[in-house]
N, C-alpha and C. Protein backbone atom coordinates (compact mmCIF):
# COMPACT_ATOMS: atom_id res chain seq x y z
N SER A 1 21.98 -2.15 7.70
CA SER A 1 23.02 -3.14 7.94
C SER A 1 22.91 -4.26 6.90
N LEU A 2 23.96 -5.01 6.81
CA LEU A 2 23.99 -6.14 5.88
C LEU A 2 22.89 -7.14 6.21
N GLN A 3 22.71 -7.42 7.50
CA GLN A 3 21.66 -8.36 7.92
C GLN A 3 20.28 -7.84 7.51
N GLN A 4 20.06 -6.56 7.65
CA GLN A 4 18.77 -5.98 7.24
C GLN A 4 18.59 -6.08 5.73
N ASN A 5 19.67 -5.91 4.98
CA ASN A 5 19.58 -6.03 3.52
C ASN A 5 19.21 -7.45 3.11
N PHE A 6 19.80 -8.47 3.76
CA PHE A 6 19.45 -9.85 3.44
C PHE A 6 18.01 -10.15 3.85
N LEU A 7 17.58 -9.64 4.99
CA LEU A 7 16.20 -9.82 5.43
C LEU A 7 15.24 -9.19 4.43
N ARG A 8 15.56 -7.99 3.98
CA ARG A 8 14.72 -7.31 3.00
C ARG A 8 14.68 -8.11 1.70
N TYR A 9 15.81 -8.65 1.29
CA TYR A 9 15.86 -9.47 0.07
C TYR A 9 14.96 -10.71 0.23
N HIS A 10 15.06 -11.37 1.37
CA HIS A 10 14.22 -12.54 1.63
C HIS A 10 12.74 -12.15 1.60
N GLN A 11 12.40 -11.02 2.19
CA GLN A 11 11.01 -10.58 2.23
C GLN A 11 10.49 -10.30 0.82
N THR A 12 11.33 -9.75 -0.05
CA THR A 12 10.86 -9.48 -1.41
C THR A 12 10.63 -10.77 -2.18
N LYS A 13 11.47 -11.79 -1.95
CA LYS A 13 11.24 -13.08 -2.61
C LYS A 13 9.94 -13.71 -2.12
N LEU A 14 9.69 -13.62 -0.82
CA LEU A 14 8.44 -14.14 -0.26
C LEU A 14 7.25 -13.36 -0.80
N ALA A 15 7.38 -12.04 -0.88
CA ALA A 15 6.30 -11.22 -1.42
C ALA A 15 6.00 -11.60 -2.87
N ASN A 16 7.03 -11.87 -3.66
CA ASN A 16 6.80 -12.28 -5.05
C ASN A 16 5.99 -13.57 -5.12
N SER A 17 6.34 -14.55 -4.29
CA SER A 17 5.61 -15.81 -4.35
C SER A 17 4.18 -15.63 -3.84
N CYS A 18 3.99 -14.87 -2.77
CA CYS A 18 2.63 -14.62 -2.27
C CYS A 18 1.78 -13.89 -3.30
N PHE A 19 2.37 -12.88 -3.95
CA PHE A 19 1.62 -12.12 -4.95
C PHE A 19 1.22 -13.00 -6.13
N ALA A 20 2.18 -13.77 -6.64
CA ALA A 20 1.89 -14.62 -7.80
C ALA A 20 0.85 -15.68 -7.47
N LEU A 21 0.94 -16.30 -6.29
CA LEU A 21 -0.05 -17.31 -5.91
C LEU A 21 -1.40 -16.67 -5.62
N GLY A 22 -1.40 -15.45 -5.06
CA GLY A 22 -2.65 -14.72 -4.87
C GLY A 22 -3.28 -14.37 -6.21
N MET A 23 -2.46 -14.00 -7.19
CA MET A 23 -2.98 -13.70 -8.52
C MET A 23 -3.57 -14.96 -9.15
N HIS A 24 -2.88 -16.09 -8.99
CA HIS A 24 -3.41 -17.35 -9.53
C HIS A 24 -4.80 -17.63 -8.95
N LYS A 25 -4.94 -17.46 -7.66
CA LYS A 25 -6.22 -17.70 -6.99
C LYS A 25 -7.31 -16.80 -7.58
N ARG A 26 -6.99 -15.53 -7.80
CA ARG A 26 -7.97 -14.58 -8.33
C ARG A 26 -8.30 -14.86 -9.79
N LEU A 27 -7.30 -15.19 -10.58
CA LEU A 27 -7.55 -15.53 -11.98
C LEU A 27 -8.43 -16.76 -12.10
N GLU A 28 -8.13 -17.76 -11.28
CA GLU A 28 -8.92 -19.00 -11.29
C GLU A 28 -10.37 -18.72 -10.90
N LYS A 29 -10.56 -17.92 -9.86
CA LYS A 29 -11.90 -17.59 -9.39
C LYS A 29 -12.69 -16.82 -10.45
N ALA A 30 -12.00 -15.98 -11.23
CA ALA A 30 -12.64 -15.19 -12.28
C ALA A 30 -12.86 -16.00 -13.55
N GLY A 31 -12.34 -17.22 -13.60
CA GLY A 31 -12.48 -18.04 -14.79
C GLY A 31 -11.58 -17.61 -15.93
N ILE A 32 -10.54 -16.87 -15.62
CA ILE A 32 -9.59 -16.41 -16.65
C ILE A 32 -8.56 -17.52 -16.86
N ILE A 33 -8.61 -18.16 -18.01
CA ILE A 33 -7.76 -19.32 -18.25
C ILE A 33 -6.61 -19.05 -19.23
N ASN A 34 -6.61 -17.88 -19.86
CA ASN A 34 -5.55 -17.60 -20.83
C ASN A 34 -4.39 -16.80 -20.24
N VAL A 35 -4.33 -16.69 -18.91
CA VAL A 35 -3.23 -16.04 -18.21
C VAL A 35 -2.74 -16.99 -17.13
N LYS A 36 -1.43 -17.18 -17.07
CA LYS A 36 -0.83 -18.02 -16.03
C LYS A 36 0.01 -17.17 -15.10
N SER A 37 -0.17 -17.36 -13.82
CA SER A 37 0.67 -16.71 -12.82
C SER A 37 1.52 -17.80 -12.19
N ILE A 38 2.83 -17.70 -12.40
CA ILE A 38 3.77 -18.71 -11.90
C ILE A 38 4.87 -18.03 -11.09
N VAL A 39 5.59 -18.83 -10.31
CA VAL A 39 6.69 -18.33 -9.50
C VAL A 39 7.93 -19.16 -9.82
N SER A 40 9.06 -18.49 -9.94
CA SER A 40 10.34 -19.17 -10.13
C SER A 40 11.38 -18.53 -9.22
N GLU A 41 12.15 -19.36 -8.57
CA GLU A 41 13.19 -18.89 -7.65
C GLU A 41 14.52 -19.50 -8.08
N PRO A 42 15.60 -18.71 -8.12
CA PRO A 42 16.86 -19.22 -8.64
C PRO A 42 17.68 -20.07 -7.67
N GLY A 43 17.33 -20.08 -6.39
CA GLY A 43 18.21 -20.73 -5.43
C GLY A 43 19.40 -19.84 -5.17
N ILE A 44 20.57 -20.42 -4.94
CA ILE A 44 21.77 -19.62 -4.72
C ILE A 44 22.67 -19.75 -5.94
N ALA A 45 22.84 -18.64 -6.62
CA ALA A 45 23.68 -18.62 -7.81
C ALA A 45 24.89 -17.73 -7.56
N ALA A 46 25.97 -18.03 -8.21
CA ALA A 46 27.24 -17.30 -8.03
C ALA A 46 27.19 -15.96 -8.76
N THR A 47 26.39 -15.06 -8.20
CA THR A 47 26.29 -13.71 -8.74
C THR A 47 26.93 -12.74 -7.74
N ASP A 48 26.83 -11.48 -8.02
CA ASP A 48 27.40 -10.47 -7.13
C ASP A 48 26.41 -10.00 -6.07
N LEU A 49 25.32 -10.73 -5.86
CA LEU A 49 24.29 -10.29 -4.92
C LEU A 49 24.85 -10.04 -3.52
N ALA A 50 25.59 -10.99 -2.98
CA ALA A 50 26.09 -10.84 -1.60
C ALA A 50 26.99 -9.62 -1.48
N SER A 51 27.91 -9.45 -2.42
CA SER A 51 28.80 -8.29 -2.32
C SER A 51 28.05 -6.99 -2.59
N ASN A 52 27.05 -7.02 -3.47
CA ASN A 52 26.26 -5.81 -3.73
C ASN A 52 25.40 -5.43 -2.53
N LEU A 53 24.86 -6.42 -1.83
CA LEU A 53 24.09 -6.10 -0.63
C LEU A 53 24.99 -5.45 0.41
N GLY A 54 26.22 -5.90 0.51
CA GLY A 54 27.16 -5.28 1.43
C GLY A 54 27.59 -3.91 0.95
N ALA A 55 27.76 -3.76 -0.36
CA ALA A 55 28.21 -2.48 -0.91
C ALA A 55 27.13 -1.41 -0.78
N ALA A 56 25.88 -1.82 -0.62
CA ALA A 56 24.79 -0.85 -0.47
C ALA A 56 24.94 -0.06 0.82
N ASN A 57 25.67 -0.61 1.77
CA ASN A 57 25.92 0.10 3.02
C ASN A 57 27.04 1.11 2.80
N LYS A 58 26.92 2.23 3.44
CA LYS A 58 27.92 3.29 3.29
C LYS A 58 29.17 2.97 4.10
N GLY A 59 30.27 3.44 3.63
CA GLY A 59 31.52 3.29 4.37
C GLY A 59 32.37 2.16 3.82
N ILE A 60 33.66 2.38 3.81
CA ILE A 60 34.61 1.41 3.26
C ILE A 60 34.60 0.11 4.04
N GLY A 61 34.44 0.17 5.38
CA GLY A 61 34.43 -1.04 6.20
C GLY A 61 33.29 -1.96 5.81
N LYS A 62 32.11 -1.39 5.59
CA LYS A 62 30.96 -2.20 5.23
C LYS A 62 31.10 -2.75 3.82
N LYS A 63 31.72 -1.99 2.93
CA LYS A 63 31.95 -2.48 1.57
C LYS A 63 32.92 -3.66 1.58
N ILE A 64 33.93 -3.57 2.43
CA ILE A 64 34.88 -4.68 2.57
C ILE A 64 34.17 -5.91 3.12
N ILE A 65 33.32 -5.71 4.12
CA ILE A 65 32.55 -6.83 4.67
C ILE A 65 31.70 -7.47 3.58
N GLY A 66 31.06 -6.65 2.74
CA GLY A 66 30.26 -7.19 1.64
C GLY A 66 31.09 -7.99 0.66
N ALA A 67 32.27 -7.51 0.33
CA ALA A 67 33.16 -8.23 -0.59
C ALA A 67 33.62 -9.54 0.03
N VAL A 68 33.96 -9.52 1.31
CA VAL A 68 34.39 -10.74 2.00
C VAL A 68 33.23 -11.74 2.05
N LEU A 69 32.03 -11.25 2.33
CA LEU A 69 30.86 -12.12 2.36
C LEU A 69 30.63 -12.76 0.99
N GLY A 70 30.75 -11.96 -0.06
CA GLY A 70 30.61 -12.52 -1.41
C GLY A 70 31.62 -13.60 -1.70
N LEU A 71 32.86 -13.38 -1.28
CA LEU A 71 33.91 -14.38 -1.47
C LEU A 71 33.62 -15.64 -0.64
N TYR A 72 33.19 -15.45 0.60
CA TYR A 72 32.84 -16.58 1.47
C TYR A 72 31.76 -17.45 0.83
N VAL A 73 30.72 -16.79 0.33
CA VAL A 73 29.62 -17.54 -0.29
C VAL A 73 30.14 -18.36 -1.46
N ARG A 74 30.98 -17.75 -2.30
CA ARG A 74 31.50 -18.46 -3.47
C ARG A 74 32.40 -19.63 -3.08
N LEU A 75 33.14 -19.49 -1.98
CA LEU A 75 34.09 -20.54 -1.59
C LEU A 75 33.47 -21.65 -0.73
N PHE A 76 32.52 -21.31 0.14
CA PHE A 76 32.09 -22.26 1.15
C PHE A 76 30.61 -22.64 1.13
N VAL A 77 29.81 -21.94 0.36
CA VAL A 77 28.39 -22.27 0.27
C VAL A 77 28.15 -22.93 -1.08
N LYS A 78 27.35 -23.99 -1.08
CA LYS A 78 27.07 -24.68 -2.33
C LYS A 78 26.23 -23.76 -3.22
N VAL A 79 26.84 -23.34 -4.32
CA VAL A 79 26.17 -22.43 -5.24
C VAL A 79 26.19 -23.02 -6.65
N GLN A 80 25.37 -22.48 -7.48
CA GLN A 80 25.35 -22.89 -8.88
C GLN A 80 25.68 -21.68 -9.75
N SER A 81 25.94 -21.91 -11.00
CA SER A 81 26.27 -20.82 -11.91
C SER A 81 25.04 -19.93 -12.10
N PRO A 82 25.27 -18.68 -12.51
CA PRO A 82 24.12 -17.83 -12.82
C PRO A 82 23.22 -18.45 -13.89
N ALA A 83 23.81 -19.12 -14.87
CA ALA A 83 23.00 -19.77 -15.91
C ALA A 83 22.12 -20.86 -15.31
N ASP A 84 22.68 -21.68 -14.41
CA ASP A 84 21.87 -22.71 -13.78
C ASP A 84 20.81 -22.09 -12.87
N GLY A 85 21.13 -20.95 -12.25
CA GLY A 85 20.14 -20.25 -11.44
C GLY A 85 18.94 -19.78 -12.26
N ALA A 86 19.16 -19.57 -13.55
CA ALA A 86 18.07 -19.13 -14.44
C ALA A 86 17.15 -20.28 -14.85
N LEU A 87 17.56 -21.53 -14.62
CA LEU A 87 16.77 -22.68 -15.10
C LEU A 87 15.34 -22.73 -14.57
N PRO A 88 15.09 -22.44 -13.28
CA PRO A 88 13.68 -22.45 -12.84
C PRO A 88 12.81 -21.44 -13.59
N LEU A 89 13.37 -20.27 -13.90
CA LEU A 89 12.64 -19.28 -14.66
C LEU A 89 12.37 -19.77 -16.08
N ILE A 90 13.38 -20.36 -16.69
CA ILE A 90 13.22 -20.90 -18.04
C ILE A 90 12.18 -22.02 -18.04
N GLU A 91 12.22 -22.89 -17.03
CA GLU A 91 11.22 -23.97 -16.93
C GLU A 91 9.82 -23.38 -16.80
N GLY A 92 9.67 -22.36 -15.95
CA GLY A 92 8.37 -21.74 -15.76
C GLY A 92 7.84 -21.09 -17.03
N CYS A 93 8.72 -20.50 -17.81
CA CYS A 93 8.30 -19.81 -19.03
C CYS A 93 8.05 -20.76 -20.20
N PHE A 94 8.87 -21.79 -20.32
CA PHE A 94 8.84 -22.60 -21.53
C PHE A 94 8.62 -24.09 -21.30
N GLY A 95 8.46 -24.53 -20.05
CA GLY A 95 8.29 -25.95 -19.76
C GLY A 95 7.00 -26.50 -20.36
N ALA A 96 7.01 -27.78 -20.65
CA ALA A 96 5.85 -28.42 -21.29
C ALA A 96 4.66 -28.57 -20.34
N ASN A 97 4.90 -28.79 -19.09
CA ASN A 97 3.81 -29.05 -18.14
C ASN A 97 3.72 -27.96 -17.08
N VAL A 98 3.52 -26.74 -17.53
CA VAL A 98 3.44 -25.60 -16.62
C VAL A 98 1.99 -25.12 -16.55
N ASP A 99 1.49 -25.00 -15.33
CA ASP A 99 0.13 -24.52 -15.11
C ASP A 99 0.18 -23.27 -14.25
N GLY A 100 -0.87 -22.48 -14.31
CA GLY A 100 -0.98 -21.35 -13.41
C GLY A 100 -0.92 -21.86 -11.97
N GLY A 101 -0.27 -21.10 -11.11
CA GLY A 101 -0.15 -21.51 -9.72
C GLY A 101 1.03 -22.42 -9.45
N ASP A 102 1.91 -22.63 -10.44
CA ASP A 102 3.10 -23.45 -10.24
C ASP A 102 4.23 -22.60 -9.63
N PHE A 103 5.08 -23.26 -8.86
CA PHE A 103 6.22 -22.61 -8.21
C PHE A 103 7.42 -23.52 -8.41
N PHE A 104 8.43 -23.01 -9.12
CA PHE A 104 9.64 -23.77 -9.42
C PHE A 104 10.83 -23.21 -8.66
N TYR A 105 11.65 -24.08 -8.11
CA TYR A 105 12.94 -23.71 -7.55
C TYR A 105 13.88 -24.89 -7.67
N PRO A 106 15.18 -24.70 -7.39
CA PRO A 106 16.12 -25.81 -7.55
C PRO A 106 15.79 -27.00 -6.64
N GLU A 107 16.03 -28.18 -7.17
CA GLU A 107 15.67 -29.43 -6.50
C GLU A 107 16.22 -29.55 -5.08
N GLN A 108 17.45 -29.12 -4.86
CA GLN A 108 18.02 -29.17 -3.50
C GLN A 108 17.82 -27.83 -2.78
N ARG A 109 16.87 -27.07 -3.21
CA ARG A 109 16.49 -25.76 -2.67
C ARG A 109 17.50 -24.67 -3.01
N GLN A 110 18.78 -24.97 -2.91
CA GLN A 110 19.81 -23.98 -3.26
C GLN A 110 20.36 -24.22 -4.66
N THR A 111 20.47 -25.49 -5.03
CA THR A 111 21.04 -25.85 -6.32
C THR A 111 20.26 -27.04 -6.89
N GLY A 112 20.47 -27.29 -8.15
CA GLY A 112 19.87 -28.47 -8.78
C GLY A 112 18.90 -28.12 -9.89
N ILE A 113 18.40 -29.16 -10.51
CA ILE A 113 17.46 -28.98 -11.62
C ILE A 113 16.14 -28.41 -11.09
N PRO A 114 15.37 -27.73 -11.93
CA PRO A 114 14.10 -27.15 -11.47
C PRO A 114 13.15 -28.20 -10.91
N TYR A 115 12.54 -27.86 -9.81
CA TYR A 115 11.59 -28.72 -9.10
C TYR A 115 10.30 -27.94 -8.92
N LYS A 116 9.16 -28.59 -9.21
CA LYS A 116 7.86 -27.95 -9.03
C LYS A 116 7.39 -28.20 -7.60
N ALA A 117 7.50 -27.18 -6.75
CA ALA A 117 7.14 -27.31 -5.34
C ALA A 117 5.66 -27.08 -5.10
N ILE A 118 5.06 -26.24 -5.93
CA ILE A 118 3.62 -25.97 -5.86
C ILE A 118 3.07 -26.21 -7.25
N SER A 119 2.00 -26.98 -7.35
CA SER A 119 1.40 -27.30 -8.63
C SER A 119 -0.06 -26.87 -8.62
N LYS A 120 -0.41 -26.01 -9.56
CA LYS A 120 -1.78 -25.50 -9.68
C LYS A 120 -2.26 -24.89 -8.37
N GLY A 121 -1.36 -24.21 -7.67
CA GLY A 121 -1.73 -23.53 -6.44
C GLY A 121 -1.76 -24.39 -5.20
N GLU A 122 -1.33 -25.65 -5.30
CA GLU A 122 -1.32 -26.55 -4.13
C GLU A 122 0.08 -27.13 -3.94
N PRO A 123 0.56 -27.20 -2.69
CA PRO A 123 1.89 -27.77 -2.44
C PRO A 123 1.99 -29.22 -2.93
N VAL A 124 3.10 -29.55 -3.56
CA VAL A 124 3.34 -30.93 -4.01
C VAL A 124 3.50 -31.84 -2.79
N LYS A 125 4.25 -31.37 -1.80
CA LYS A 125 4.40 -32.10 -0.53
C LYS A 125 3.45 -31.46 0.48
N PRO A 126 2.53 -32.24 1.06
CA PRO A 126 1.57 -31.67 2.01
C PRO A 126 2.27 -30.88 3.12
N ASN A 127 1.66 -29.79 3.50
CA ASN A 127 2.15 -28.91 4.57
C ASN A 127 3.49 -28.26 4.30
N SER A 128 3.88 -28.17 3.04
CA SER A 128 5.12 -27.47 2.71
C SER A 128 4.77 -26.09 2.15
N GLU A 129 5.76 -25.27 2.00
CA GLU A 129 5.61 -23.92 1.45
C GLU A 129 4.55 -23.11 2.19
N LYS A 130 4.54 -23.25 3.52
CA LYS A 130 3.52 -22.59 4.34
C LYS A 130 3.54 -21.07 4.20
N LEU A 131 4.71 -20.47 4.11
CA LEU A 131 4.78 -19.01 4.02
C LEU A 131 4.17 -18.51 2.70
N SER A 132 4.51 -19.15 1.60
CA SER A 132 3.96 -18.74 0.30
C SER A 132 2.48 -19.04 0.19
N MET A 133 2.03 -20.09 0.84
CA MET A 133 0.63 -20.53 0.74
C MET A 133 -0.30 -19.80 1.71
N ASP A 134 0.24 -19.00 2.61
CA ASP A 134 -0.58 -18.34 3.62
C ASP A 134 -1.52 -17.32 2.97
N GLU A 135 -2.82 -17.62 3.00
CA GLU A 135 -3.80 -16.76 2.32
C GLU A 135 -3.91 -15.38 2.97
N THR A 136 -3.71 -15.30 4.27
CA THR A 136 -3.74 -14.00 4.94
C THR A 136 -2.63 -13.11 4.39
N SER A 137 -1.42 -13.67 4.23
CA SER A 137 -0.30 -12.91 3.67
C SER A 137 -0.57 -12.54 2.21
N GLN A 138 -1.12 -13.48 1.45
CA GLN A 138 -1.43 -13.20 0.05
C GLN A 138 -2.42 -12.05 -0.06
N ASP A 139 -3.48 -12.10 0.75
CA ASP A 139 -4.52 -11.07 0.68
C ASP A 139 -4.00 -9.71 1.17
N LEU A 140 -3.19 -9.71 2.24
CA LEU A 140 -2.63 -8.46 2.74
C LEU A 140 -1.70 -7.84 1.70
N LEU A 141 -0.85 -8.65 1.09
CA LEU A 141 0.05 -8.14 0.07
C LEU A 141 -0.74 -7.59 -1.11
N TRP A 142 -1.79 -8.29 -1.50
CA TRP A 142 -2.62 -7.84 -2.62
C TRP A 142 -3.23 -6.47 -2.30
N LYS A 143 -3.79 -6.35 -1.10
CA LYS A 143 -4.42 -5.09 -0.68
C LYS A 143 -3.39 -3.96 -0.66
N LYS A 144 -2.22 -4.21 -0.09
CA LYS A 144 -1.18 -3.18 -0.02
C LYS A 144 -0.66 -2.82 -1.41
N SER A 145 -0.60 -3.78 -2.32
CA SER A 145 -0.17 -3.51 -3.69
C SER A 145 -1.19 -2.62 -4.39
N GLU A 146 -2.45 -2.89 -4.19
CA GLU A 146 -3.49 -2.04 -4.78
C GLU A 146 -3.42 -0.62 -4.21
N GLU A 147 -3.19 -0.52 -2.90
CA GLU A 147 -3.04 0.80 -2.29
C GLU A 147 -1.84 1.54 -2.89
N ALA A 148 -0.77 0.83 -3.13
CA ALA A 148 0.45 1.46 -3.66
C ALA A 148 0.23 2.01 -5.07
N ILE A 149 -0.58 1.32 -5.88
CA ILE A 149 -0.82 1.81 -7.25
C ILE A 149 -2.09 2.64 -7.35
N GLY A 150 -2.88 2.69 -6.27
CA GLY A 150 -4.09 3.49 -6.27
C GLY A 150 -5.20 2.95 -7.15
N SER A 151 -5.24 1.63 -7.29
CA SER A 151 -6.24 1.01 -8.17
C SER A 151 -6.51 -0.42 -7.73
N ALA A 152 -7.77 -0.83 -7.87
CA ALA A 152 -8.12 -2.22 -7.57
C ALA A 152 -7.81 -3.07 -8.80
N PHE A 153 -7.39 -4.31 -8.56
CA PHE A 153 -7.05 -5.22 -9.64
C PHE A 153 -7.48 -6.62 -9.24
N LEU A 154 -8.49 -7.15 -9.91
CA LEU A 154 -9.02 -8.48 -9.62
C LEU A 154 -9.52 -8.63 -8.18
N SER A 155 -9.84 -7.53 -7.53
CA SER A 155 -10.26 -7.61 -6.12
C SER A 155 -11.76 -7.81 -5.97
N ASP A 156 -12.51 -7.50 -6.98
CA ASP A 156 -13.96 -7.64 -6.87
C ASP A 156 -14.43 -9.04 -7.19
N ILE A 157 -13.50 -9.96 -7.24
CA ILE A 157 -13.81 -11.35 -7.59
C ILE A 157 -14.05 -12.15 -6.33
């Protein structure tokens, strides 16, 4: 269903942040300083994501629902251009003050200039970003990722 597709999309974004922050923790513990693990999130950008998530469902009715949802998002939800959605990634790759363990997303969470929410693996605002910072989730994701590739990676640290 469309709802399941959005849930899966949200879970993959959370998994990316948990994995990257887990990697930062392991790199830091190993004393590896020439590799940075950072996270960047685009917020909500005016792309075809909503309509594509709907189109992934079979049947003309579900495709129409996906197209309508995409139109609704563009008309009624505060979105930014795809180029502006790329800014957190560009900041993470090329910004002057980027450290391993940083997490960038738009300032107003959905839109805006890049904001560093996590700095060097620690939340900028205390008690924020609890889902990404959850070490149990980071470790579980790391373990499952190693199982998926059939190899340990930075786990003996």
